[in-house]
Amino acid sequence: QFEPRTYLDTIREIRKRGLDWIGIVHSHPNTD
């Protein structure tokens, strides 16, 4: 679960840099 403050700061940073939010990524430590 995204930490809310960092998530919001990241969305602002993506916009500031003129980037597109393309997707999310997460890891599966023990599964496929």
Full PDB file with SEQRES, HELIX, SHEET, SSBOND, CRYST1, ORIGX, SCALE, CONECT and MASTER records, all heavy atoms in Angstrom:
SEQRES   1 A   32  GLN PHE GLU PRO ARG THR TYR LEU ASP THR ILE ARG GLU          
SEQRES   2 A   32  ILE ARG LYS ARG GLY LEU ASP TRP ILE GLY ILE VAL HIS          
SEQRES   3 A   32  SER HIS PRO ASN THR ASP                                      
HELIX    1 AA1 PRO A    4  LYS A   16  1                                  13    
CRYST1    1.000    1.000    1.000  90.00  90.00  90.00 P 1           1          
ORIGX1      1.000000  0.000000  0.000000        0.00000                         
ORIGX2      0.000000  1.000000  0.000000        0.00000                         
ORIGX3      0.000000  0.000000  1.000000        0.00000                         
SCALE1      1.000000  0.000000  0.000000        0.00000                         
SCALE2      0.000000  1.000000  0.000000        0.00000                         
SCALE3      0.000000  0.000000  1.000000        0.00000                         
ATOM      1  N   GLN A   1       0.874  -1.161   0.000  1.00  0.00           N  
ATOM      2  CA  GLN A   1       0.000   0.000   0.000  1.00  0.00           C  
ATOM      3  C   GLN A   1       0.915   1.216   0.000  1.00  0.00           C  
ATOM      4  O   GLN A   1       1.810   1.325   0.836  1.00  0.00           O  
ATOM      5  CB  GLN A   1      -0.882  -0.014   1.250  1.00  0.00           C  
ATOM      6  CG  GLN A   1      -1.867   1.094   1.305  1.00  0.00           C  
ATOM      7  CD  GLN A   1      -2.745   0.997   2.554  1.00  0.00           C  
ATOM      8  OE1 GLN A   1      -3.415   1.956   2.851  1.00  0.00           O  
ATOM      9  NE2 GLN A   1      -2.764  -0.097   3.282  1.00  0.00           N  
ATOM     10  N   PHE A   2       0.715   2.110  -0.963  1.00  0.00           N  
ATOM     11  CA  PHE A   2       1.552   3.304  -1.036  1.00  0.00           C  
ATOM     12  C   PHE A   2       1.419   4.139   0.233  1.00  0.00           C  
ATOM     13  O   PHE A   2       0.302   4.366   0.716  1.00  0.00           O  
ATOM     14  CB  PHE A   2       1.141   4.192  -2.211  1.00  0.00           C  
ATOM     15  CG  PHE A   2       1.496   3.650  -3.576  1.00  0.00           C  
ATOM     16  CD1 PHE A   2       0.772   4.073  -4.680  1.00  0.00           C  
ATOM     17  CD2 PHE A   2       2.530   2.762  -3.778  1.00  0.00           C  
ATOM     18  CE1 PHE A   2       1.072   3.616  -5.956  1.00  0.00           C  
ATOM     19  CE2 PHE A   2       2.844   2.290  -5.041  1.00  0.00           C  
ATOM     20  CZ  PHE A   2       2.128   2.718  -6.130  1.00  0.00           C  
ATOM     21  N   GLU A   3       2.545   4.632   0.720  1.00  0.00           N  
ATOM     22  CA  GLU A   3       2.534   5.598   1.819  1.00  0.00           C  
ATOM     23  C   GLU A   3       1.921   6.873   1.236  1.00  0.00           C  
ATOM     24  O   GLU A   3       2.409   7.395   0.231  1.00  0.00           O  
ATOM     25  CB  GLU A   3       3.963   5.815   2.334  1.00  0.00           C  
ATOM     26  CG  GLU A   3       4.074   6.623   3.605  1.00  0.00           C  
ATOM     27  CD  GLU A   3       3.919   8.116   3.376  1.00  0.00           C  
ATOM     28  OE1 GLU A   3       4.502   8.628   2.399  1.00  0.00           O  
ATOM     29  OE2 GLU A   3       3.223   8.761   4.169  1.00  0.00           O  
ATOM     30  N   PRO A   4       0.819   7.385   1.806  1.00  0.00           N  
ATOM     31  CA  PRO A   4       0.037   8.452   1.174  1.00  0.00           C  
ATOM     32  C   PRO A   4       0.802   9.742   0.870  1.00  0.00           C  
ATOM     33  O   PRO A   4       0.670  10.296  -0.222  1.00  0.00           O  
ATOM     34  CB  PRO A   4      -1.100   8.713   2.163  1.00  0.00           C  
ATOM     35  CG  PRO A   4      -1.213   7.475   2.963  1.00  0.00           C  
ATOM     36  CD  PRO A   4       0.169   6.896   3.035  1.00  0.00           C  
ATOM     37  N   ARG A   5       1.580  10.249   1.794  1.00  0.00           N  
ATOM     38  CA  ARG A   5       2.273  11.524   1.560  1.00  0.00           C  
ATOM     39  C   ARG A   5       3.279  11.403   0.413  1.00  0.00           C  
ATOM     40  O   ARG A   5       3.343  12.241  -0.467  1.00  0.00           O  
ATOM     41  CB  ARG A   5       2.957  12.022   2.823  1.00  0.00           C  
ATOM     42  CG  ARG A   5       3.642  13.371   2.596  1.00  0.00           C  
ATOM     43  CD  ARG A   5       4.042  14.063   3.862  1.00  0.00           C  
ATOM     44  NE  ARG A   5       2.950  14.257   4.805  1.00  0.00           N  
ATOM     45  CZ  ARG A   5       2.078  15.263   4.751  1.00  0.00           C  
ATOM     46  NH1 ARG A   5       2.140  16.130   3.771  1.00  0.00           N  
ATOM     47  NH2 ARG A   5       1.141  15.380   5.664  1.00  0.00           N  
ATOM     48  N   THR A   6       4.057  10.311   0.424  1.00  0.00           N  
ATOM     49  CA  THR A   6       5.041  10.102  -0.648  1.00  0.00           C  
ATOM     50  C   THR A   6       4.331   9.918  -1.981  1.00  0.00           C  
ATOM     51  O   THR A   6       4.792  10.418  -3.013  1.00  0.00           O  
ATOM     52  CB  THR A   6       5.934   8.893  -0.334  1.00  0.00           C  
ATOM     53  OG1 THR A   6       6.519   9.062   0.956  1.00  0.00           O  
ATOM     54  CG2 THR A   6       7.041   8.749  -1.361  1.00  0.00           C  
ATOM     55  N   TYR A   7       3.219   9.203  -1.976  1.00  0.00           N  
ATOM     56  CA  TYR A   7       2.433   9.009  -3.199  1.00  0.00           C  
ATOM     57  C   TYR A   7       2.008  10.362  -3.786  1.00  0.00           C  
ATOM     58  O   TYR A   7       2.223  10.624  -4.977  1.00  0.00           O  
ATOM     59  CB  TYR A   7       1.211   8.139  -2.891  1.00  0.00           C  
ATOM     60  CG  TYR A   7       0.159   8.149  -3.964  1.00  0.00           C  
ATOM     61  CD1 TYR A   7       0.342   7.473  -5.171  1.00  0.00           C  
ATOM     62  CD2 TYR A   7      -1.033   8.856  -3.792  1.00  0.00           C  
ATOM     63  CE1 TYR A   7      -0.625   7.489  -6.157  1.00  0.00           C  
ATOM     64  CE2 TYR A   7      -2.009   8.870  -4.773  1.00  0.00           C  
ATOM     65  CZ  TYR A   7      -1.801   8.192  -5.952  1.00  0.00           C  
ATOM     66  OH  TYR A   7      -2.754   8.218  -6.931  1.00  0.00           O  
ATOM     67  N   LEU A   8       1.437  11.230  -2.961  1.00  0.00           N  
ATOM     68  CA  LEU A   8       0.995  12.545  -3.446  1.00  0.00           C  
ATOM     69  C   LEU A   8       2.168  13.395  -3.912  1.00  0.00           C  
ATOM     70  O   LEU A   8       2.090  14.069  -4.950  1.00  0.00           O  
ATOM     71  CB  LEU A   8       0.198  13.270  -2.365  1.00  0.00           C  
ATOM     72  CG  LEU A   8      -1.157  12.635  -2.028  1.00  0.00           C  
ATOM     73  CD1 LEU A   8      -1.794  13.344  -0.843  1.00  0.00           C  
ATOM     74  CD2 LEU A   8      -2.081  12.651  -3.229  1.00  0.00           C  
ATOM     75  N   ASP A   9       3.275  13.366  -3.164  1.00  0.00           N  
ATOM     76  CA  ASP A   9       4.479  14.109  -3.570  1.00  0.00           C  
ATOM     77  C   ASP A   9       5.001  13.598  -4.908  1.00  0.00           C  
ATOM     78  O   ASP A   9       5.468  14.381  -5.739  1.00  0.00           O  
ATOM     79  CB  ASP A   9       5.571  13.999  -2.511  1.00  0.00           C  
ATOM     80  CG  ASP A   9       5.243  14.773  -1.240  1.00  0.00           C  
ATOM     81  OD1 ASP A   9       4.307  15.621  -1.257  1.00  0.00           O  
ATOM     82  OD2 ASP A   9       5.915  14.524  -0.209  1.00  0.00           O  
ATOM     83  N   THR A  10       4.932  12.284  -5.112  1.00  0.00           N  
ATOM     84  CA  THR A  10       5.412  11.682  -6.363  1.00  0.00           C  
ATOM     85  C   THR A  10       4.543  12.117  -7.542  1.00  0.00           C  
ATOM     86  O   THR A  10       5.073  12.462  -8.609  1.00  0.00           O  
ATOM     87  CB  THR A  10       5.439  10.145  -6.243  1.00  0.00           C  
ATOM     88  OG1 THR A  10       6.335   9.783  -5.189  1.00  0.00           O  
ATOM     89  CG2 THR A  10       5.880   9.495  -7.538  1.00  0.00           C  
ATOM     90  N   ILE A  11       3.237  12.125  -7.368  1.00  0.00           N  
ATOM     91  CA  ILE A  11       2.343  12.567  -8.444  1.00  0.00           C  
ATOM     92  C   ILE A  11       2.656  14.022  -8.808  1.00  0.00           C  
ATOM     93  O   ILE A  11       2.731  14.380  -9.992  1.00  0.00           O  
ATOM     94  CB  ILE A  11       0.857  12.400  -8.046  1.00  0.00           C  
ATOM     95  CG1 ILE A  11       0.522  10.922  -7.829  1.00  0.00           C  
ATOM     96  CG2 ILE A  11      -0.068  13.036  -9.075  1.00  0.00           C  
ATOM     97  CD1 ILE A  11       0.755  10.031  -9.025  1.00  0.00           C  
ATOM     98  N   ARG A  12       2.878  14.856  -7.803  1.00  0.00           N  
ATOM     99  CA  ARG A  12       3.246  16.262  -8.066  1.00  0.00           C  
ATOM    100  C   ARG A  12       4.568  16.356  -8.823  1.00  0.00           C  
ATOM    101  O   ARG A  12       4.709  17.154  -9.749  1.00  0.00           O  
ATOM    102  CB  ARG A  12       3.343  17.039  -6.750  1.00  0.00           C  
ATOM    103  CG  ARG A  12       2.017  17.382  -6.154  1.00  0.00           C  
ATOM    104  CD  ARG A  12       2.175  18.307  -4.933  1.00  0.00           C  
ATOM    105  NE  ARG A  12       0.997  18.201  -4.104  1.00  0.00           N  
ATOM    106  CZ  ARG A  12       0.900  17.500  -2.982  1.00  0.00           C  
ATOM    107  NH1 ARG A  12       1.939  16.851  -2.504  1.00  0.00           N  
ATOM    108  NH2 ARG A  12      -0.234  17.447  -2.316  1.00  0.00           N  
ATOM    109  N   GLU A  13       5.545  15.543  -8.427  1.00  0.00           N  
ATOM    110  CA  GLU A  13       6.866  15.556  -9.077  1.00  0.00           C  
ATOM    111  C   GLU A  13       6.761  15.100 -10.531  1.00  0.00           C  
ATOM    112  O   GLU A  13       7.400  15.672 -11.416  1.00  0.00           O  
ATOM    113  CB  GLU A  13       7.847  14.669  -8.302  1.00  0.00           C  
ATOM    114  CG  GLU A  13       9.250  14.659  -8.852  1.00  0.00           C  
ATOM    115  CD  GLU A  13       9.973  15.997  -8.765  1.00  0.00           C  
ATOM    116  OE1 GLU A  13       9.583  16.865  -7.953  1.00  0.00           O  
ATOM    117  OE2 GLU A  13      10.947  16.184  -9.539  1.00  0.00           O  
ATOM    118  N   ILE A  14       5.950  14.089 -10.795  1.00  0.00           N  
ATOM    119  CA  ILE A  14       5.758  13.614 -12.168  1.00  0.00           C  
ATOM    120  C   ILE A  14       5.179  14.736 -13.027  1.00  0.00           C  
ATOM    121  O   ILE A  14       5.656  14.997 -14.135  1.00  0.00           O  
ATOM    122  CB  ILE A  14       4.849  12.360 -12.178  1.00  0.00           C  
ATOM    123  CG1 ILE A  14       5.623  11.160 -11.613  1.00  0.00           C  
ATOM    124  CG2 ILE A  14       4.315  12.058 -13.574  1.00  0.00           C  
ATOM    125  CD1 ILE A  14       4.765   9.937 -11.336  1.00  0.00           C  
ATOM    126  N   ARG A  15       4.179  15.433 -12.500  1.00  0.00           N  
ATOM    127  CA  ARG A  15       3.569  16.555 -13.246  1.00  0.00           C  
ATOM    128  C   ARG A  15       4.577  17.674 -13.461  1.00  0.00           C  
ATOM    129  O   ARG A  15       4.652  18.251 -14.551  1.00  0.00           O  
ATOM    130  CB  ARG A  15       2.350  17.076 -12.492  1.00  0.00           C  
ATOM    131  CG  ARG A  15       1.174  16.135 -12.547  1.00  0.00           C  
ATOM    132  CD  ARG A  15      -0.014  16.695 -11.811  1.00  0.00           C  
ATOM    133  NE  ARG A  15      -1.106  15.734 -11.808  1.00  0.00           N  
ATOM    134  CZ  ARG A  15      -1.977  15.606 -10.834  1.00  0.00           C  
ATOM    135  NH1 ARG A  15      -1.907  16.391  -9.766  1.00  0.00           N  
ATOM    136  NH2 ARG A  15      -2.925  14.711 -10.912  1.00  0.00           N  
ATOM    137  N   LYS A  16       5.330  17.998 -12.413  1.00  0.00           N  
ATOM    138  CA  LYS A  16       6.330  19.076 -12.485  1.00  0.00           C  
ATOM    139  C   LYS A  16       7.364  18.800 -13.578  1.00  0.00           C  
ATOM    140  O   LYS A  16       7.794  19.712 -14.277  1.00  0.00           O  
ATOM    141  CB  LYS A  16       7.009  19.213 -11.121  1.00  0.00           C  
ATOM    142  CG  LYS A  16       8.058  20.271 -11.031  1.00  0.00           C  
ATOM    143  CD  LYS A  16       8.611  20.310  -9.610  1.00  0.00           C  
ATOM    144  CE  LYS A  16       9.965  20.966  -9.577  1.00  0.00           C  
ATOM    145  NZ  LYS A  16      10.578  20.854  -8.254  1.00  0.00           N  
ATOM    146  N   ARG A  17       7.747  17.533 -13.716  1.00  0.00           N  
ATOM    147  CA  ARG A  17       8.743  17.154 -14.729  1.00  0.00           C  
ATOM    148  C   ARG A  17       8.143  16.985 -16.128  1.00  0.00           C  
ATOM    149  O   ARG A  17       8.865  16.696 -17.080  1.00  0.00           O  
ATOM    150  CB  ARG A  17       9.423  15.850 -14.334  1.00  0.00           C  
ATOM    151  CG  ARG A  17      10.294  15.962 -13.101  1.00  0.00           C  
ATOM    152  CD  ARG A  17      11.022  14.669 -12.881  1.00  0.00           C  
ATOM    153  NE  ARG A  17      11.736  14.634 -11.633  1.00  0.00           N  
ATOM    154  CZ  ARG A  17      12.681  13.751 -11.348  1.00  0.00           C  
ATOM    155  NH1 ARG A  17      13.015  12.827 -12.241  1.00  0.00           N  
ATOM    156  NH2 ARG A  17      13.280  13.771 -10.183  1.00  0.00           N  
ATOM    157  N   GLY A  18       6.836  17.111 -16.241  1.00  0.00           N  
ATOM    158  CA  GLY A  18       6.187  16.959 -17.545  1.00  0.00           C  
ATOM    159  C   GLY A  18       6.137  15.518 -18.023  1.00  0.00           C  
ATOM    160  O   GLY A  18       6.095  15.260 -19.223  1.00  0.00           O  
ATOM    161  N   LEU A  19       6.101  14.578 -17.073  1.00  0.00           N  
ATOM    162  CA  LEU A  19       6.060  13.165 -17.416  1.00  0.00           C  
ATOM    163  C   LEU A  19       4.626  12.646 -17.358  1.00  0.00           C  
ATOM    164  O   LEU A  19       3.752  13.278 -16.779  1.00  0.00           O  
ATOM    165  CB  LEU A  19       6.923  12.363 -16.426  1.00  0.00           C  
ATOM    166  CG  LEU A  19       8.406  12.707 -16.382  1.00  0.00           C  
ATOM    167  CD1 LEU A  19       9.090  12.006 -15.216  1.00  0.00           C  
ATOM    168  CD2 LEU A  19       9.077  12.343 -17.698  1.00  0.00           C  
ATOM    169  N   ASP A  20       4.421  11.492 -17.946  1.00  0.00           N  
ATOM    170  CA  ASP A  20       3.145  10.789 -17.866  1.00  0.00           C  
ATOM    171  C   ASP A  20       3.260   9.686 -16.819  1.00  0.00           C  
ATOM    172  O   ASP A  20       4.279   8.981 -16.767  1.00  0.00           O  
ATOM    173  CB  ASP A  20       2.797  10.122 -19.208  1.00  0.00           C  
ATOM    174  CG  ASP A  20       2.683  11.107 -20.349  1.00  0.00           C  
ATOM    175  OD1 ASP A  20       2.153  12.209 -20.133  1.00  0.00           O  
ATOM    176  OD2 ASP A  20       3.140  10.760 -21.465  1.00  0.00           O  
ATOM    177  N   TRP A  21       2.219   9.517 -16.011  1.00  0.00           N  
ATOM    178  CA  TRP A  21       2.166   8.383 -15.094  1.00  0.00           C  
ATOM    179  C   TRP A  21       1.721   7.197 -15.937  1.00  0.00           C  
ATOM    180  O   TRP A  21       0.582   7.111 -16.383  1.00  0.00           O  
ATOM    181  CB  TRP A  21       1.185   8.672 -13.967  1.00  0.00           C  
ATOM    182  CG  TRP A  21       0.968   7.538 -13.020  1.00  0.00           C  
ATOM    183  CD1 TRP A  21       1.699   6.380 -12.931  1.00  0.00           C  
ATOM    184  CD2 TRP A  21      -0.055   7.435 -12.040  1.00  0.00           C  
ATOM    185  NE1 TRP A  21       1.194   5.586 -11.940  1.00  0.00           N  
ATOM    186  CE2 TRP A  21       0.116   6.195 -11.375  1.00  0.00           C  
ATOM    187  CE3 TRP A  21      -1.099   8.266 -11.651  1.00  0.00           C  
ATOM    188  CZ2 TRP A  21      -0.720   5.783 -10.347  1.00  0.00           C  
ATOM    189  CZ3 TRP A  21      -1.930   7.834 -10.624  1.00  0.00           C  
ATOM    190  CH2 TRP A  21      -1.732   6.619  -9.983  1.00  0.00           C  
ATOM    191  N   ILE A  22       2.633   6.255 -16.180  1.00  0.00           N  
ATOM    192  CA  ILE A  22       2.365   5.134 -17.076  1.00  0.00           C  
ATOM    193  C   ILE A  22       1.890   3.898 -16.318  1.00  0.00           C  
ATOM    194  O   ILE A  22       1.056   3.143 -16.808  1.00  0.00           O  
ATOM    195  CB  ILE A  22       3.607   4.817 -17.938  1.00  0.00           C  
ATOM    196  CG1 ILE A  22       3.898   6.033 -18.845  1.00  0.00           C  
ATOM    197  CG2 ILE A  22       3.396   3.555 -18.770  1.00  0.00           C  
ATOM    198  CD1 ILE A  22       5.166   5.917 -19.662  1.00  0.00           C  
ATOM    199  N   GLY A  23       2.413   3.684 -15.119  1.00  0.00           N  
ATOM    200  CA  GLY A  23       2.002   2.498 -14.381  1.00  0.00           C  
ATOM    201  C   GLY A  23       2.562   2.453 -12.982  1.00  0.00           C  
ATOM    202  O   GLY A  23       3.211   3.398 -12.525  1.00  0.00           O  
ATOM    203  N   ILE A  24       2.271   1.345 -12.325  1.00  0.00           N  
ATOM    204  CA  ILE A  24       2.855   1.101 -11.007  1.00  0.00           C  
ATOM    205  C   ILE A  24       3.615  -0.212 -11.077  1.00  0.00           C  
ATOM    206  O   ILE A  24       3.408  -1.032 -11.977  1.00  0.00           O  
ATOM    207  CB  ILE A  24       1.806   1.068  -9.873  1.00  0.00           C  
ATOM    208  CG1 ILE A  24       0.853  -0.119  -9.995  1.00  0.00           C  
ATOM    209  CG2 ILE A  24       1.010   2.348  -9.829  1.00  0.00           C  
ATOM    210  CD1 ILE A  24       1.165  -1.202  -9.002  1.00  0.00           C  
ATOM    211  N   VAL A  25       4.491  -0.392 -10.098  1.00  0.00           N  
ATOM    212  CA  VAL A  25       5.245  -1.637 -10.004  1.00  0.00           C  
ATOM    213  C   VAL A  25       5.306  -2.040  -8.541  1.00  0.00           C  
ATOM    214  O   VAL A  25       5.314  -1.187  -7.654  1.00  0.00           O  
ATOM    215  CB  VAL A  25       6.669  -1.490 -10.607  1.00  0.00           C  
ATOM    216  CG1 VAL A  25       7.495  -0.473  -9.837  1.00  0.00           C  
ATOM    217  CG2 VAL A  25       7.380  -2.831 -10.693  1.00  0.00           C  
ATOM    218  N   HIS A  26       5.283  -3.326  -8.315  1.00  0.00           N  
ATOM    219  CA  HIS A  26       5.561  -3.842  -6.978  1.00  0.00           C  
ATOM    220  C   HIS A  26       6.241  -5.194  -7.124  1.00  0.00           C  
ATOM    221  O   HIS A  26       6.237  -5.802  -8.192  1.00  0.00           O  
ATOM    222  CB  HIS A  26       4.294  -3.920  -6.116  1.00  0.00           C  
ATOM    223  CG  HIS A  26       3.380  -5.048  -6.417  1.00  0.00           C  
ATOM    224  ND1 HIS A  26       2.535  -5.050  -7.499  1.00  0.00           N  
ATOM    225  CD2 HIS A  26       3.161  -6.214  -5.768  1.00  0.00           C  
ATOM    226  CE1 HIS A  26       1.826  -6.170  -7.498  1.00  0.00           C  
ATOM    227  NE2 HIS A  26       2.198  -6.897  -6.456  1.00  0.00           N  
ATOM    228  N   SER A  27       6.846  -5.634  -6.043  1.00  0.00           N  
ATOM    229  CA  SER A  27       7.567  -6.899  -6.085  1.00  0.00           C  
ATOM    230  C   SER A  27       6.750  -8.012  -5.438  1.00  0.00           C  
ATOM    231  O   SER A  27       5.888  -7.763  -4.600  1.00  0.00           O  
ATOM    232  CB  SER A  27       8.915  -6.763  -5.379  1.00  0.00           C  
ATOM    233  OG  SER A  27       8.735  -6.437  -4.015  1.00  0.00           O  
ATOM    234  N   HIS A  28       7.052  -9.216  -5.873  1.00  0.00           N  
ATOM    235  CA  HIS A  28       6.572 -10.430  -5.232  1.00  0.00           C  
ATOM    236  C   HIS A  28       7.829 -11.154  -4.747  1.00  0.00           C  
ATOM    237  O   HIS A  28       8.524 -11.778  -5.543  1.00  0.00           O  
ATOM    238  CB  HIS A  28       5.796 -11.318  -6.211  1.00  0.00           C  
ATOM    239  CG  HIS A  28       4.392 -10.904  -6.443  1.00  0.00           C  
ATOM    240  ND1 HIS A  28       3.520 -11.655  -7.202  1.00  0.00           N  
ATOM    241  CD2 HIS A  28       3.678  -9.833  -6.016  1.00  0.00           C  
ATOM    242  CE1 HIS A  28       2.331 -11.059  -7.234  1.00  0.00           C  
ATOM    243  NE2 HIS A  28       2.410  -9.944  -6.530  1.00  0.00           N  
ATOM    244  N   PRO A  29       8.151 -11.043  -3.463  1.00  0.00           N  
ATOM    245  CA  PRO A  29       9.390 -11.637  -2.958  1.00  0.00           C  
ATOM    246  C   PRO A  29       9.472 -13.152  -3.116  1.00  0.00           C  
ATOM    247  O   PRO A  29      10.553 -13.687  -3.344  1.00  0.00           O  
ATOM    248  CB  PRO A  29       9.397 -11.256  -1.477  1.00  0.00           C  
ATOM    249  CG  PRO A  29       8.549 -10.037  -1.395  1.00  0.00           C  
ATOM    250  CD  PRO A  29       7.490 -10.230  -2.436  1.00  0.00           C  
ATOM    251  N   ASN A  30       8.343 -13.853  -3.011  1.00  0.00           N  
ATOM    252  CA  ASN A  30       8.377 -15.313  -2.985  1.00  0.00           C  
ATOM    253  C   ASN A  30       7.457 -15.990  -3.988  1.00  0.00           C  
ATOM    254  O   ASN A  30       7.288 -17.202  -3.935  1.00  0.00           O  
ATOM    255  CB  ASN A  30       8.003 -15.807  -1.582  1.00  0.00           C  
ATOM    256  CG  ASN A  30       8.910 -15.212  -0.532  1.00  0.00           C  
ATOM    257  OD1 ASN A  30      10.119 -15.326  -0.623  1.00  0.00           O  
ATOM    258  ND2 ASN A  30       8.324 -14.539   0.439  1.00  0.00           N  
ATOM    259  N   THR A  31       6.825 -15.213  -4.856  1.00  0.00           N  
ATOM    260  CA  THR A  31       5.874 -15.803  -5.802  1.00  0.00           C  
ATOM    261  C   THR A  31       6.162 -15.308  -7.223  1.00  0.00           C  
ATOM    262  O   THR A  31       6.943 -14.378  -7.426  1.00  0.00           O  
ATOM    263  CB  THR A  31       4.420 -15.463  -5.422  1.00  0.00           C  
ATOM    264  OG1 THR A  31       4.254 -14.045  -5.405  1.00  0.00           O  
ATOM    265  CG2 THR A  31       4.063 -16.040  -4.051  1.00  0.00           C  
ATOM    266  N   ASP A  32       5.513 -15.934  -8.174  1.00  0.00           N  
ATOM    267  CA  ASP A  32       5.698 -15.586  -9.579  1.00  0.00           C  
ATOM    268  C   ASP A  32       5.148 -14.188  -9.882  1.00  0.00           C  
ATOM    269  O   ASP A  32       4.320 -13.665  -9.132  1.00  0.00           O  
ATOM    270  CB  ASP A  32       5.001 -16.621 -10.464  1.00  0.00           C  
ATOM    271  CG  ASP A  32       5.679 -17.984 -10.390  1.00  0.00           C  
ATOM    272  OD1 ASP A  32       6.917 -18.020 -10.283  1.00  0.00           O  
ATOM    273  OD2 ASP A  32       4.970 -19.002 -10.431  1.00  0.00           O  
TER     274      ASP A  32                                                      
MASTER        0    0    0    1    0    0    0    6  273    1    0    3          
END                                                                             
